[in-house]
Amino acid sequence: MLLDVAVAAASGLVLLALLLVAVALRRRALVKVPGSFECAVRRRGRAWSVGIGRFDSHHVRWWSVLSLRPGPRSTWARTDLEVVGRRSPGAEEGLALQPGDVVVRCTHRGACLELGMSPDAATGFTSWLEAAPPGAPGHPAL
């Protein structure tokens, strides 16, 4: 009986270790792609979620770090995003964001969306929005 418990516990630990390795390898693969940046996301009324963002010509795609899902969890079209402000994180946000991060407040189709990222990533994000074709929404009001 004791041997069965030990084998089950060891099997559980091996599975947990494999899961952690898979999450770490996935994160590493996501970060290596050009245009990727560390990005936490918070929608109105929800907690921060840590992840990886990536720009392409018309969208920002976001993958949760704590998921094995192959595709992005969220995709935002450039034409549906508008920056409405930028702020420093509050004390209660310190655990979810990296030291020195900034919070870029946006609207996405009228809903509040906050993105926590490094100052360099925030500059790249706002520049990407400003580079939208003439007449397209999304130009930051900073």
Protein backbone atom coordinates (compact mmCIF):
# COMPACT_ATOMS: atom_id res chain seq x y z
CA MET A 1 0.00 0.00 0.00
CA LEU A 2 2.76 2.44 0.95
CA LEU A 3 4.61 1.57 -2.26
CA ASP A 4 1.51 2.38 -4.33
CA VAL A 5 1.21 5.79 -2.69
CA ALA A 6 4.90 6.50 -3.32
CA VAL A 7 4.60 5.50 -6.98
CA ALA A 8 1.49 7.66 -7.41
CA ALA A 9 3.20 10.63 -5.75
CA ALA A 10 6.33 10.20 -7.89
CA SER A 11 4.20 9.93 -11.04
CA GLY A 12 2.37 13.10 -10.09
CA LEU A 13 5.63 14.96 -9.57
CA VAL A 14 6.98 13.78 -12.92
CA LEU A 15 3.78 14.92 -14.68
CA LEU A 16 3.95 18.30 -12.94
CA ALA A 17 7.61 18.70 -13.95
CA LEU A 18 6.78 17.82 -17.57
CA LEU A 19 3.94 20.33 -17.59
CA LEU A 20 6.21 23.07 -16.24
CA VAL A 21 8.86 22.26 -18.86
CA ALA A 22 6.22 22.39 -21.63
CA VAL A 23 4.98 25.80 -20.43
CA ALA A 24 8.55 27.13 -20.24
CA LEU A 25 9.44 25.84 -23.73
CA ARG A 26 6.24 27.33 -25.19
CA ARG A 27 6.99 30.70 -23.60
CA ARG A 28 10.53 30.62 -24.92
CA ALA A 29 9.28 29.84 -28.44
CA LEU A 30 6.74 32.70 -28.30
CA VAL A 31 9.29 35.26 -27.13
CA LYS A 32 11.79 34.38 -29.89
CA VAL A 33 9.46 35.53 -32.69
CA PRO A 34 10.20 39.11 -33.86
CA GLY A 35 7.62 41.62 -32.67
CA SER A 36 6.98 39.74 -29.41
CA PHE A 37 6.95 41.43 -26.01
CA GLU A 38 6.00 40.61 -22.43
CA CYS A 39 2.49 41.91 -21.84
CA ALA A 40 0.00 41.57 -19.00
CA VAL A 41 -3.67 42.11 -19.83
CA ARG A 42 -6.57 43.25 -17.69
CA ARG A 43 -10.12 43.71 -18.83
CA ARG A 44 -12.62 45.66 -16.74
CA GLY A 45 -13.44 43.84 -13.52
CA ARG A 46 -10.88 41.08 -13.98
CA ALA A 47 -7.45 40.30 -12.59
CA TRP A 48 -4.22 40.77 -14.53
CA SER A 49 -3.19 37.87 -16.80
CA VAL A 50 0.48 37.51 -17.71
CA GLY A 51 1.37 36.75 -21.30
CA ILE A 52 3.20 37.47 -24.50
CA GLY A 53 1.98 39.97 -27.09
CA ARG A 54 2.95 40.07 -30.73
CA PHE A 55 2.40 42.70 -33.42
CA ASP A 56 1.70 41.94 -37.04
CA SER A 57 0.61 44.36 -39.74
CA HIS A 58 -3.03 44.65 -38.61
CA HIS A 59 -3.38 42.91 -35.22
CA VAL A 60 -1.93 42.45 -31.77
CA ARG A 61 -2.15 38.84 -30.69
CA TRP A 62 -1.83 37.76 -27.06
CA TRP A 63 -0.88 34.37 -25.60
CA SER A 64 -1.31 33.50 -21.93
CA VAL A 65 1.96 32.36 -20.38
CA LEU A 66 0.22 29.79 -18.19
CA SER A 67 -1.47 27.95 -21.03
CA LEU A 68 -0.47 25.28 -23.51
CA ARG A 69 -3.00 26.52 -26.07
CA PRO A 70 -1.19 26.77 -29.43
CA GLY A 71 -3.05 29.83 -30.72
CA PRO A 72 -3.46 33.25 -29.15
CA ARG A 73 -6.05 33.68 -26.42
CA SER A 74 -6.94 37.18 -27.68
CA THR A 75 -6.54 39.08 -30.94
CA TRP A 76 -7.17 42.81 -31.28
CA ALA A 77 -7.38 44.55 -34.65
CA ARG A 78 -5.47 47.81 -34.90
CA THR A 79 -8.58 49.58 -36.19
CA ASP A 80 -10.55 48.55 -33.06
CA LEU A 81 -7.95 49.79 -30.54
CA GLU A 82 -7.57 53.29 -29.18
CA VAL A 83 -5.09 54.40 -26.52
CA VAL A 84 -6.77 56.65 -23.96
CA GLY A 85 -3.93 57.03 -21.48
CA ARG A 86 -0.80 55.75 -19.87
CA ARG A 87 -0.06 55.42 -16.16
CA SER A 88 2.28 53.89 -13.62
CA PRO A 89 1.05 50.71 -11.93
CA GLY A 90 -0.59 51.07 -8.53
CA ALA A 91 0.76 49.33 -5.44
CA GLU A 92 -1.83 46.54 -5.75
CA GLU A 93 -0.65 45.80 -9.29
CA GLY A 94 2.98 45.26 -8.31
CA LEU A 95 2.68 41.49 -8.16
CA ALA A 96 1.24 41.13 -11.66
CA LEU A 97 3.57 43.53 -13.46
CA GLN A 98 7.33 43.73 -13.76
CA PRO A 99 9.22 46.53 -12.01
CA GLY A 100 9.30 49.58 -14.27
CA ASP A 101 6.31 48.51 -16.37
CA VAL A 102 3.70 51.01 -17.50
CA VAL A 103 -0.02 50.48 -17.97
CA VAL A 104 -1.39 51.51 -21.35
CA ARG A 105 -5.12 52.14 -21.05
CA CYS A 106 -7.04 51.37 -24.23
CA THR A 107 -10.52 50.90 -25.49
CA HIS A 108 -11.30 47.96 -27.72
CA ARG A 109 -14.68 48.29 -29.41
CA GLY A 110 -15.75 50.55 -26.56
CA ALA A 111 -14.63 48.20 -23.74
CA CYS A 112 -11.82 49.06 -21.31
CA LEU A 113 -8.59 47.14 -21.88
CA GLU A 114 -5.35 47.68 -19.94
CA LEU A 115 -1.99 46.40 -21.12
CA GLY A 116 0.98 46.24 -18.75
CA MET A 117 4.33 46.28 -20.51
CA SER A 118 7.81 47.75 -20.47
CA PRO A 119 8.19 51.41 -21.45
CA ASP A 120 9.95 50.33 -24.68
CA ALA A 121 7.11 47.96 -25.59
CA ALA A 122 4.58 50.71 -24.78
CA THR A 123 6.40 53.11 -27.11
CA GLY A 124 6.43 50.46 -29.83
CA PHE A 125 2.73 49.76 -29.28
CA THR A 126 1.69 53.41 -29.54
CA SER A 127 3.96 53.91 -32.58
CA TRP A 128 2.37 50.87 -34.22
CA LEU A 129 -1.09 52.38 -33.64
CA GLU A 130 0.02 55.77 -34.96
CA ALA A 131 1.30 54.09 -38.12
CA ALA A 132 -2.25 53.02 -39.00
CA PRO A 133 -3.46 54.10 -42.42
CA PRO A 134 -4.87 57.67 -42.57
CA GLY A 135 -8.41 57.93 -41.27
CA ALA A 136 -8.23 54.72 -39.25
CA PRO A 137 -9.13 54.90 -35.55
CA GLY A 138 -6.57 54.03 -32.94
CA HIS A 139 -4.31 57.05 -32.91
CA PRO A 140 -3.12 57.54 -29.33
CA ALA A 141 -4.19 60.64 -27.45
CA LEU A 142 -1.02 60.86 -25.36
